[in-house]
Amino acid sequence: MFFIVASLIALLTLVYLVASGFVRVVSYFWGWLSSGEKIDGVASNASGSATTNVSPTDISSGLSDDASVVSQSTPFSKPKSKPTQADLSAYLDEMHLGWYQIVILFFVGCMAGLLIEEIWMLITAGLTESRVGLIWGPFSPLYGTGAVFLTVICYQLHKHHANNLVIFLVSVVVGGTLEQLTGWGMKEIFHSESWTYAHLPDAITQWVAWRFLGFWGILGLIWCRLIMPRALYKIGEPTSKRQAIFITLLTVYLVADITVTVACLARKAQRDTGIPPSNAFEVWVDNYFDDSFVSARFQNMTFTSQTSAEKS
């Protein structure tokens, strides 16, 4: 018993140190991005924080040659390094939630969600298998999509001053719908399965269970009240061309990663049914992402033949 407790403490300490180091590296890198050439119309004060009086037209024109992805930004002001709850609420009322923030939230959500799931499975089931959801990088798009959906919806709930019960119920619906659509889509399109709740006594469908709906509700409440305001405040609006270029490149990378992953899983399903590649791209996918690669990369994913899928 002592060994188990000691091992758990050591594991959590290691995770904390790794996470702290990662946050420091990211903060340093983000500071470097922010210190680059400013977008036309964006001033910078002595501390390096962006100041107010920036119009959407100014930012749009300043990025026209570099990154159109952030062309709909609005004026903002972040005068405090440690904002109060009132500061955060005022900032959310003032800001515009756009593609710049969405890409960052998706990126961070994919990694953070995967890390939490890996730790949870290690502690509860002793599993150390890879649970990634994309071909390249430590990403689980289910969590990234969930972070984006929760942010978009919670942002609107904040605008309408929704109470905690409404936030909880909306988060339950969002989480349950996301799990159901993702699980059903993977089964019907790729004949694969990453998780199942069919063995649980409170299962509603194969991919939705009451206990996890409650988890989504609590997560949504925590996200809306505690995490989202500070995350959006920290992300802010684009102030330098380095930031704009980085987010543009990151968007291209994620789109390519998702596209190749979909093609890889689609070809895996087709190979299982004996369908040969029909073009040069599918030949490339088969050569570089064959069955052995898929099995090693997506260790928590099981595949069934089309016949078996139709019977089930």
Protein backbone atom coordinates (compact mmCIF):
# COMPACT_ATOMS: atom_id res chain seq x y z
CA MET A 1 0.00 0.00 0.00
CA PHE A 2 2.83 2.37 0.90
CA PHE A 3 4.56 1.62 -2.39
CA ILE A 4 1.38 2.42 -4.35
CA VAL A 5 0.88 5.73 -2.53
CA ALA A 6 4.54 6.66 -2.95
CA SER A 7 4.43 5.79 -6.64
CA LEU A 8 1.30 7.88 -7.12
CA ILE A 9 2.86 10.87 -5.36
CA ALA A 10 6.03 10.50 -7.43
CA LEU A 11 3.96 10.31 -10.63
CA LEU A 12 1.91 13.39 -9.77
CA THR A 13 5.09 15.28 -8.85
CA LEU A 14 6.66 14.33 -12.16
CA VAL A 15 3.55 15.42 -14.04
CA TYR A 16 3.54 18.73 -12.18
CA LEU A 17 7.21 19.37 -12.99
CA VAL A 18 6.74 18.49 -16.65
CA ALA A 19 3.60 20.64 -16.89
CA SER A 20 5.32 23.56 -15.14
CA GLY A 21 8.29 23.33 -17.46
CA PHE A 22 6.02 23.17 -20.48
CA VAL A 23 4.11 26.25 -19.32
CA ARG A 24 7.37 28.16 -18.84
CA VAL A 25 8.58 27.24 -22.33
CA VAL A 26 5.25 28.22 -23.88
CA SER A 27 5.21 31.51 -21.96
CA TYR A 28 8.72 32.35 -23.13
CA PHE A 29 7.87 31.46 -26.72
CA TRP A 30 4.65 33.48 -26.61
CA GLY A 31 6.54 36.44 -25.20
CA TRP A 32 8.93 36.21 -28.10
CA LEU A 33 6.04 36.15 -30.57
CA SER A 34 4.47 39.18 -28.91
CA SER A 35 7.69 41.19 -29.07
CA GLY A 36 7.90 41.12 -32.85
CA GLU A 37 6.89 43.81 -35.32
CA LYS A 38 3.52 45.20 -34.34
CA ILE A 39 0.42 45.03 -36.48
CA ASP A 40 -0.40 48.38 -38.05
CA GLY A 41 -2.44 50.44 -35.57
CA VAL A 42 -1.44 48.41 -32.49
CA ALA A 43 0.59 50.33 -29.96
CA SER A 44 2.61 48.79 -27.18
CA ASN A 45 3.26 50.13 -23.72
CA ALA A 46 6.37 49.76 -21.63
CA SER A 47 5.41 46.34 -20.32
CA GLY A 48 4.82 44.93 -23.76
CA SER A 49 1.07 44.61 -23.34
CA ALA A 50 -1.20 45.85 -26.09
CA THR A 51 -3.10 49.03 -25.48
CA THR A 52 -6.50 50.21 -26.59
CA ASN A 53 -7.76 52.19 -29.58
CA VAL A 54 -7.29 49.43 -32.13
CA SER A 55 -10.04 49.15 -34.68
CA PRO A 56 -10.95 46.05 -36.67
CA THR A 57 -9.99 47.91 -39.84
CA ASP A 58 -6.52 48.67 -38.48
CA ILE A 59 -5.78 45.05 -37.62
CA SER A 60 -7.27 43.75 -40.83
CA SER A 61 -5.15 46.08 -42.95
CA GLY A 62 -2.05 45.35 -40.90
CA LEU A 63 -2.38 41.62 -41.54
CA SER A 64 -3.44 41.73 -45.16
CA ASP A 65 0.02 40.70 -46.32
CA ASP A 66 0.73 38.23 -43.54
CA ALA A 67 -2.28 36.48 -42.05
CA SER A 68 -5.91 37.09 -42.85
CA VAL A 69 -6.90 34.59 -40.19
CA VAL A 70 -7.19 37.26 -37.51
CA SER A 71 -8.81 40.00 -39.53
CA GLN A 72 -11.88 40.44 -37.31
CA SER A 73 -10.27 41.53 -34.04
CA THR A 74 -11.75 44.32 -31.92
CA PRO A 75 -10.43 46.91 -29.46
CA PHE A 76 -9.24 45.55 -26.16
CA SER A 77 -7.37 46.53 -23.04
CA LYS A 78 -5.48 44.35 -20.56
CA PRO A 79 -3.93 46.72 -18.03
CA LYS A 80 -3.49 44.24 -15.15
CA SER A 81 -1.25 41.19 -14.87
CA LYS A 82 -3.50 39.78 -12.11
CA PRO A 83 -7.05 40.73 -13.09
CA THR A 84 -9.98 40.49 -10.72
CA GLN A 85 -13.19 38.67 -11.60
CA ALA A 86 -14.72 42.03 -12.50
CA ASP A 87 -11.81 42.75 -14.86
CA LEU A 88 -12.26 39.39 -16.56
CA SER A 89 -16.00 39.88 -16.95
CA ALA A 90 -15.50 43.36 -18.40
CA TYR A 91 -12.90 42.04 -20.83
CA LEU A 92 -15.24 39.29 -22.06
CA ASP A 93 -17.95 41.89 -22.63
CA GLU A 94 -15.52 43.95 -24.70
CA MET A 95 -13.61 41.36 -26.73
CA HIS A 96 -14.50 39.62 -29.98
CA LEU A 97 -14.18 35.82 -30.02
CA GLY A 98 -12.58 35.03 -33.37
CA TRP A 99 -10.43 32.54 -35.24
CA TYR A 100 -7.26 33.60 -33.43
CA GLN A 101 -8.60 32.49 -30.05
CA ILE A 102 -10.37 29.42 -31.48
CA VAL A 103 -7.19 27.95 -33.00
CA ILE A 104 -5.22 28.41 -29.78
CA LEU A 105 -8.00 26.88 -27.66
CA PHE A 106 -8.29 23.89 -30.00
CA PHE A 107 -4.53 23.36 -29.99
CA VAL A 108 -4.19 23.57 -26.20
CA GLY A 109 -7.38 21.58 -25.60
CA CYS A 110 -6.15 18.71 -27.78
CA MET A 111 -2.95 18.39 -25.76
CA ALA A 112 -4.33 19.08 -22.29
CA GLY A 113 -7.25 16.68 -22.75
CA LEU A 114 -4.95 13.93 -23.98
CA LEU A 115 -2.60 14.42 -21.01
CA ILE A 116 -5.48 14.27 -18.52
CA GLU A 117 -6.90 11.15 -20.16
CA GLU A 118 -3.51 9.42 -20.17
CA ILE A 119 -3.03 10.17 -16.46
CA TRP A 120 -6.60 9.10 -15.64
CA MET A 121 -6.22 5.76 -17.46
CA LEU A 122 -2.85 5.15 -15.83
CA ILE A 123 -4.22 5.75 -12.33
CA THR A 124 -7.59 3.99 -12.71
CA ALA A 125 -6.73 1.13 -15.07
CA GLY A 126 -2.94 0.94 -15.13
CA LEU A 127 -2.92 1.51 -18.90
CA THR A 128 -0.05 3.30 -20.63
CA GLU A 129 -1.26 2.92 -24.21
CA SER A 130 -1.19 5.73 -26.72
CA ARG A 131 -4.58 7.48 -26.87
CA VAL A 132 -3.78 10.08 -29.51
CA GLY A 133 -6.36 10.92 -32.15
CA LEU A 134 -4.24 12.40 -34.95
CA ILE A 135 -1.37 11.15 -37.09
CA TRP A 136 1.13 13.84 -36.11
CA GLY A 137 1.59 15.28 -32.66
CA PRO A 138 0.22 14.58 -29.15
CA PHE A 139 -3.34 15.61 -29.96
CA SER A 140 -6.82 14.31 -29.20
CA PRO A 141 -9.22 16.32 -31.38
CA LEU A 142 -12.24 15.27 -29.30
CA TYR A 143 -10.99 17.40 -26.41
CA GLY A 144 -9.93 20.25 -28.67
CA THR A 145 -13.36 20.31 -30.28
CA GLY A 146 -14.98 20.12 -26.85
CA ALA A 147 -12.90 23.07 -25.63
CA VAL A 148 -13.92 25.12 -28.66
CA PHE A 149 -17.62 24.23 -28.40
CA LEU A 150 -17.69 24.91 -24.66
CA THR A 151 -15.91 28.23 -25.16
CA VAL A 152 -18.20 29.41 -27.94
CA ILE A 153 -21.32 28.42 -26.02
CA CYS A 154 -20.09 29.62 -22.61
CA TYR A 155 -19.06 32.91 -24.19
CA GLN A 156 -22.63 33.41 -25.35
CA LEU A 157 -23.99 32.27 -21.97
CA HIS A 158 -21.77 34.86 -20.30
CA LYS A 159 -23.16 37.53 -22.61
CA HIS A 160 -26.67 36.56 -21.51
CA HIS A 161 -25.69 36.27 -17.81
CA ALA A 162 -26.76 32.62 -17.57
CA ASN A 163 -26.90 31.03 -14.11
CA ASN A 164 -24.95 27.94 -13.05
CA LEU A 165 -27.82 25.51 -13.64
CA VAL A 166 -28.21 26.62 -17.26
CA ILE A 167 -24.46 26.36 -17.84
CA PHE A 168 -24.43 22.85 -16.34
CA LEU A 169 -27.35 21.60 -18.45
CA VAL A 170 -26.05 23.13 -21.66
CA SER A 171 -22.62 21.56 -21.04
CA VAL A 172 -24.27 18.17 -20.50
CA VAL A 173 -26.04 18.45 -23.86
CA VAL A 174 -22.91 19.63 -25.66
CA GLY A 175 -20.69 16.90 -24.19
CA GLY A 176 -23.20 14.11 -24.74
CA THR A 177 -23.88 15.20 -28.32
CA LEU A 178 -20.18 15.44 -29.10
CA GLU A 179 -19.48 11.96 -27.73
CA GLN A 180 -22.46 10.43 -29.52
CA LEU A 181 -21.68 11.98 -32.90
CA THR A 182 -17.96 11.18 -32.65
CA GLY A 183 -18.50 7.57 -31.59
CA TRP A 184 -21.25 6.98 -34.15
CA GLY A 185 -19.25 8.62 -36.92
CA MET A 186 -16.15 6.55 -36.21
CA LYS A 187 -18.18 3.34 -36.27
CA GLU A 188 -20.19 4.12 -39.39
CA ILE A 189 -17.47 5.77 -41.45
CA PHE A 190 -14.21 4.16 -40.30
CA HIS A 191 -15.58 0.95 -38.72
CA SER A 192 -13.52 1.74 -35.63
CA GLU A 193 -14.08 2.27 -31.93
CA SER A 194 -12.00 4.32 -29.48
CA TRP A 195 -14.24 3.85 -26.43
CA THR A 196 -17.47 2.21 -25.37
CA TYR A 197 -19.74 2.54 -22.34
CA ALA A 198 -21.88 -0.45 -23.28
CA HIS A 199 -20.60 -2.39 -20.25
CA LEU A 200 -21.56 0.33 -17.76
CA PRO A 201 -24.88 0.03 -15.87
CA ASP A 202 -25.71 3.70 -16.52
CA ALA A 203 -24.96 3.61 -20.25
CA ILE A 204 -27.49 5.50 -22.38
CA THR A 205 -25.96 4.51 -25.70
CA GLN A 206 -22.74 2.79 -26.64
CA TRP A 207 -20.89 6.11 -26.39
CA VAL A 208 -22.87 8.07 -23.78
CA ALA A 209 -23.33 7.34 -20.07
CA TRP A 210 -25.00 9.30 -17.28
CA ARG A 211 -21.84 9.52 -15.16
CA PHE A 212 -19.89 11.14 -17.96
CA LEU A 213 -22.74 13.51 -18.77
CA GLY A 214 -22.37 14.71 -15.19
CA PHE A 215 -18.65 15.05 -15.79
CA TRP A 216 -19.31 17.19 -18.88
CA GLY A 217 -21.69 19.37 -16.87
CA ILE A 218 -19.16 19.95 -14.08
CA LEU A 219 -16.40 20.51 -16.62
CA GLY A 220 -18.51 23.06 -18.46
CA LEU A 221 -19.29 24.89 -15.24
CA ILE A 222 -15.63 25.01 -14.22
CA TRP A 223 -14.63 26.01 -17.75
CA CYS A 224 -17.18 28.81 -17.98
CA ARG A 225 -16.64 30.28 -14.53
CA LEU A 226 -12.93 29.72 -13.89
CA ILE A 227 -10.89 28.65 -16.91
CA MET A 228 -12.41 30.34 -19.97
CA PRO A 229 -12.34 33.96 -18.71
CA ARG A 230 -8.68 33.73 -17.70
CA ALA A 231 -7.73 31.76 -20.82
CA LEU A 232 -9.28 34.30 -23.18
CA TYR A 233 -7.78 37.16 -21.15
CA LYS A 234 -4.36 35.51 -21.38
CA ILE A 235 -4.66 34.80 -25.10
CA GLY A 236 -5.90 38.30 -25.81
CA GLU A 237 -5.89 39.67 -29.32
CA PRO A 238 -3.08 39.51 -31.90
CA THR A 239 -0.65 42.38 -31.45
CA SER A 240 2.35 41.35 -33.57
CA LYS A 241 2.84 39.97 -37.05
CA ARG A 242 4.78 37.07 -35.53
CA GLN A 243 1.65 35.98 -33.68
CA ALA A 244 -0.47 36.28 -36.82
CA ILE A 245 1.99 34.29 -38.93
CA PHE A 246 2.37 31.63 -36.23
CA ILE A 247 -1.39 31.12 -35.89
CA THR A 248 -1.74 30.94 -39.67
CA LEU A 249 0.98 28.26 -39.89
CA LEU A 250 -0.52 26.41 -36.93
CA THR A 251 -3.92 26.41 -38.66
CA VAL A 252 -2.41 24.99 -41.85
CA TYR A 253 -0.62 22.30 -39.84
CA LEU A 254 -3.74 21.25 -37.94
CA VAL A 255 -5.84 21.14 -41.12
CA ALA A 256 -3.19 18.96 -42.79
CA ASP A 257 -2.96 16.71 -39.72
CA ILE A 258 -6.73 16.21 -39.57
CA THR A 259 -7.00 15.65 -43.32
CA VAL A 260 -4.28 13.00 -43.41
CA THR A 261 -5.71 11.30 -40.30
CA VAL A 262 -9.16 11.05 -41.90
CA ALA A 263 -7.60 9.67 -45.08
CA CYS A 264 -5.52 7.18 -43.07
CA LEU A 265 -8.53 5.82 -41.17
CA ALA A 266 -10.68 5.77 -44.30
CA ARG A 267 -8.07 3.74 -46.16
CA LYS A 268 -7.73 1.39 -43.18
CA ALA A 269 -11.47 0.69 -43.39
CA GLN A 270 -11.25 0.20 -47.17
CA ARG A 271 -8.23 -2.12 -46.93
CA ASP A 272 -10.11 -4.28 -44.44
CA THR A 273 -12.83 -4.79 -47.05
CA GLY A 274 -10.36 -5.41 -49.88
CA ILE A 275 -10.78 -2.08 -51.68
CA PRO A 276 -7.54 -1.10 -53.47
CA PRO A 277 -6.27 2.51 -53.69
CA SER A 278 -7.87 4.48 -56.52
CA ASN A 279 -5.40 7.35 -56.90
CA ALA A 280 -1.83 8.44 -56.15
CA PHE A 281 -2.78 10.02 -52.82
CA GLU A 282 -4.35 6.80 -51.54
CA VAL A 283 -1.28 4.87 -52.68
CA TRP A 284 0.86 7.29 -50.65
CA VAL A 285 -1.39 6.82 -47.62
CA ASP A 286 -1.16 3.03 -47.90
CA ASN A 287 2.62 3.15 -48.19
CA TYR A 288 3.27 5.44 -45.23
CA PHE A 289 0.31 4.66 -42.97
CA ASP A 290 -0.26 0.94 -43.30
CA ASP A 291 -2.03 -1.36 -40.84
CA SER A 292 1.01 -1.76 -38.59
CA PHE A 293 1.36 2.02 -38.31
CA VAL A 294 -2.32 2.45 -37.48
CA SER A 295 -2.17 -0.25 -34.80
CA ALA A 296 0.92 1.27 -33.20
CA ARG A 297 -0.31 4.85 -33.41
CA PHE A 298 -3.92 4.38 -32.32
CA GLN A 299 -3.45 1.76 -29.63
CA ASN A 300 -6.83 2.32 -27.96
CA MET A 301 -8.73 2.04 -31.23
CA THR A 302 -10.27 -1.21 -32.42
CA PHE A 303 -11.39 -1.91 -35.97
CA THR A 304 -14.13 -4.18 -37.26
CA SER A 305 -14.85 -5.38 -40.76
CA GLN A 306 -17.68 -3.75 -42.67
CA THR A 307 -19.71 -6.96 -42.42
CA SER A 308 -19.36 -7.05 -38.65
CA ALA A 309 -20.22 -3.37 -38.39
CA GLU A 310 -23.38 -3.87 -40.43
CA LYS A 311 -24.48 -6.80 -38.25
CA SER A 312 -24.00 -4.79 -35.07
